[in-house]
Amino acid sequence: MSPDFLVLIVLIFVVVAGSALCSGVEAALLTVNPLRVHELAARSQPIHGARRLGRLRQRLGRTLTVLVIANNGFNIFGSLMLGGYAAALFKKHGIGGIALPIFSIGLTLLVILLGEIVPKSIGSKLALQVSLTSAPVLHFLSLVMRPLLLLLEQYLDMFYLMQLHLF
């Protein structure tokens, strides 16, 4: 197998795994019991990550925005880049015709099944564990993305006010 195709396989794995992580964490955050999180955070010796998870849940809209941005980065940007790389690779190796449409359909199915449906099912079933484990990374991403998040929140507030005046 050509090293080019191995790179393509690794990139597919990165895109699908990134999408899966974002989808699973999103489902976990939406299904975790907030009272259970509060209870774990309020203990004299809190469970690791419970306080941070509680703070993330207090600004759930912002936390979900971080996940949506990351997930769309993997799903949209990653898929576009993979499609371009696959097209160049197929052309280089003389694979023409139907190879790119088959690749695109296969990648779409992989992202839907392994990047969205299965991880959301797992995330909702293991909501507390996934939420606690992901809290430090989500906190870090929220800090890194804070300028973008604040800008988006301003636009969303403005959009909401415009809707109130229109209706």
Protein backbone atom coordinates (compact mmCIF):
# COMPACT_ATOMS: atom_id res chain seq x y z
CA MET A 1 0.00 0.00 0.00
CA SER A 2 1.26 3.46 -0.92
CA PRO A 3 2.26 5.79 1.94
CA ASP A 4 -0.18 8.31 0.43
CA PHE A 5 -3.08 5.97 1.14
CA LEU A 6 -1.84 5.38 4.69
CA VAL A 7 -1.87 9.15 5.23
CA LEU A 8 -5.43 9.24 3.90
CA ILE A 9 -6.48 6.49 6.32
CA VAL A 10 -4.86 8.30 9.27
CA LEU A 11 -6.59 11.55 8.29
CA ILE A 12 -9.94 9.76 8.03
CA PHE A 13 -9.37 8.37 11.52
CA VAL A 14 -8.54 11.85 12.88
CA VAL A 15 -11.68 13.40 11.37
CA VAL A 16 -14.02 10.62 12.53
CA ALA A 17 -12.42 10.39 16.00
CA GLY A 18 -12.56 14.17 16.48
CA SER A 19 -16.19 14.24 15.44
CA ALA A 20 -16.95 11.29 17.71
CA LEU A 21 -15.36 12.94 20.74
CA CYS A 22 -17.27 16.17 20.19
CA SER A 23 -20.58 14.37 19.63
CA GLY A 24 -20.19 12.08 22.61
CA VAL A 25 -19.26 14.91 24.96
CA GLU A 26 -22.14 17.03 23.70
CA ALA A 27 -24.65 14.25 24.37
CA ALA A 28 -23.12 13.63 27.80
CA LEU A 29 -23.35 17.30 28.79
CA LEU A 30 -26.98 17.46 27.74
CA THR A 31 -27.99 14.30 29.60
CA VAL A 32 -25.87 14.43 32.76
CA ASN A 33 -27.96 14.99 35.89
CA PRO A 34 -27.18 18.51 37.16
CA LEU A 35 -28.18 17.56 40.72
CA ARG A 36 -25.69 14.71 40.68
CA VAL A 37 -22.97 17.06 39.43
CA HIS A 38 -23.81 19.53 42.21
CA GLU A 39 -23.74 16.74 44.79
CA LEU A 40 -20.31 15.52 43.62
CA ALA A 41 -18.93 19.06 43.59
CA ALA A 42 -20.30 19.88 47.06
CA ARG A 43 -18.62 16.95 48.83
CA SER A 44 -15.93 17.73 51.37
CA GLN A 45 -13.56 16.00 48.95
CA PRO A 46 -15.17 16.66 45.57
CA ILE A 47 -14.87 14.20 42.73
CA HIS A 48 -12.14 15.31 40.31
CA GLY A 49 -13.62 17.58 37.65
CA ALA A 50 -17.03 17.98 39.32
CA ARG A 51 -16.60 21.66 40.24
CA ARG A 52 -15.30 22.51 36.80
CA LEU A 53 -18.16 20.56 35.22
CA GLY A 54 -20.61 22.48 37.39
CA ARG A 55 -19.16 25.80 36.17
CA LEU A 56 -19.29 24.62 32.56
CA ARG A 57 -22.93 23.63 33.00
CA GLN A 58 -23.74 27.07 34.42
CA ARG A 59 -22.81 28.48 31.00
CA LEU A 60 -24.11 25.52 29.03
CA GLY A 61 -24.80 27.60 25.92
CA ARG A 62 -21.18 28.74 25.78
CA THR A 63 -19.89 25.23 26.45
CA LEU A 64 -22.09 23.77 23.71
CA THR A 65 -20.94 26.49 21.33
CA VAL A 66 -17.33 25.35 21.88
CA LEU A 67 -18.35 21.78 21.04
CA VAL A 68 -20.39 22.80 17.98
CA ILE A 69 -17.47 24.84 16.60
CA ALA A 70 -15.04 21.95 17.17
CA ASN A 71 -17.42 19.34 15.79
CA ASN A 72 -18.16 21.38 12.67
CA GLY A 73 -14.44 21.90 12.24
CA PHE A 74 -13.97 18.16 12.07
CA ASN A 75 -17.11 17.42 10.06
CA ILE A 76 -17.06 20.22 7.53
CA PHE A 77 -13.49 21.43 7.26
CA GLY A 78 -12.07 17.94 7.81
CA SER A 79 -14.34 16.40 5.19
CA LEU A 80 -13.54 19.12 2.67
CA MET A 81 -9.82 18.67 3.21
CA LEU A 82 -10.13 14.89 2.99
CA GLY A 83 -12.13 15.18 -0.23
CA GLY A 84 -9.50 17.45 -1.77
CA TYR A 85 -6.66 15.20 -0.64
CA ALA A 86 -8.48 12.09 -1.89
CA ALA A 87 -9.18 13.72 -5.27
CA ALA A 88 -5.50 14.64 -5.70
CA LEU A 89 -4.42 11.20 -4.52
CA PHE A 90 -6.80 9.36 -6.83
CA LYS A 91 -5.67 11.50 -9.77
CA LYS A 92 -1.99 10.89 -8.92
CA HIS A 93 -2.56 7.12 -8.86
CA GLY A 94 -4.75 7.08 -11.95
CA ILE A 95 -7.88 6.07 -10.11
CA GLY A 96 -10.61 7.81 -12.01
CA GLY A 97 -14.31 7.79 -12.52
CA ILE A 98 -16.32 6.58 -9.62
CA ALA A 99 -13.59 6.44 -6.92
CA LEU A 100 -14.20 9.94 -5.55
CA PRO A 101 -18.01 9.65 -5.30
CA ILE A 102 -17.63 6.26 -3.57
CA PHE A 103 -15.06 7.78 -1.19
CA SER A 104 -17.40 10.70 -0.46
CA ILE A 105 -20.36 8.43 0.25
CA GLY A 106 -18.22 6.17 2.43
CA LEU A 107 -16.81 9.10 4.40
CA THR A 108 -20.30 10.54 4.88
CA LEU A 109 -21.56 7.22 6.25
CA LEU A 110 -18.54 6.89 8.54
CA VAL A 111 -19.03 10.37 9.95
CA ILE A 112 -22.76 9.86 10.45
CA LEU A 113 -22.45 6.44 12.08
CA LEU A 114 -19.10 6.53 13.90
CA GLY A 115 -18.77 10.28 14.33
CA GLU A 116 -22.32 11.12 15.37
CA ILE A 117 -24.83 8.35 16.14
CA VAL A 118 -22.70 5.84 18.06
CA PRO A 119 -20.82 8.45 20.14
CA LYS A 120 -24.05 10.24 21.09
CA SER A 121 -25.51 6.95 22.26
CA ILE A 122 -22.40 6.17 24.32
CA GLY A 123 -22.18 9.74 25.65
CA SER A 124 -25.77 9.69 26.86
CA LYS A 125 -25.37 6.27 28.50
CA LEU A 126 -22.09 7.25 30.23
CA ALA A 127 -23.03 10.90 30.75
CA LEU A 128 -21.43 11.46 34.15
CA GLN A 129 -18.14 9.73 33.38
CA VAL A 130 -17.79 11.39 29.97
CA SER A 131 -18.71 14.82 31.34
CA LEU A 132 -16.29 14.62 34.26
CA THR A 133 -13.47 13.36 32.04
CA SER A 134 -14.00 16.02 29.39
CA ALA A 135 -14.45 18.98 31.77
CA PRO A 136 -10.75 20.01 31.87
CA VAL A 137 -10.42 19.98 28.08
CA LEU A 138 -13.69 21.87 27.63
CA HIS A 139 -12.54 24.46 30.16
CA PHE A 140 -9.27 24.92 28.26
CA LEU A 141 -11.07 25.19 24.90
CA SER A 142 -13.48 27.72 26.40
CA LEU A 143 -10.54 29.85 27.49
CA VAL A 144 -8.81 29.61 24.11
CA MET A 145 -12.03 30.39 22.23
CA ARG A 146 -13.27 33.09 24.63
CA PRO A 147 -12.82 36.04 22.21
CA LEU A 148 -14.78 34.21 19.50
CA LEU A 149 -17.42 33.09 22.01
CA LEU A 150 -17.94 36.62 23.31
CA LEU A 151 -18.28 37.92 19.77
CA LEU A 152 -20.81 35.22 18.89
CA GLU A 153 -22.77 35.94 22.07
CA GLN A 154 -22.97 39.62 21.11
CA TYR A 155 -24.29 38.74 17.67
CA LEU A 156 -26.77 36.26 19.11
CA ASP A 157 -28.06 38.89 21.54
CA MET A 158 -28.41 41.35 18.67
CA PHE A 159 -30.18 38.73 16.55
CA TYR A 160 -32.55 37.95 19.41
CA LEU A 161 -33.41 41.63 19.83
CA MET A 162 -34.04 41.97 16.10
CA GLN A 163 -36.46 39.03 16.24
CA LEU A 164 -38.35 40.66 19.10
CA HIS A 165 -38.85 43.81 17.04
CA LEU A 166 -39.91 41.89 13.94
CA PHE A 167 -42.59 39.82 15.63
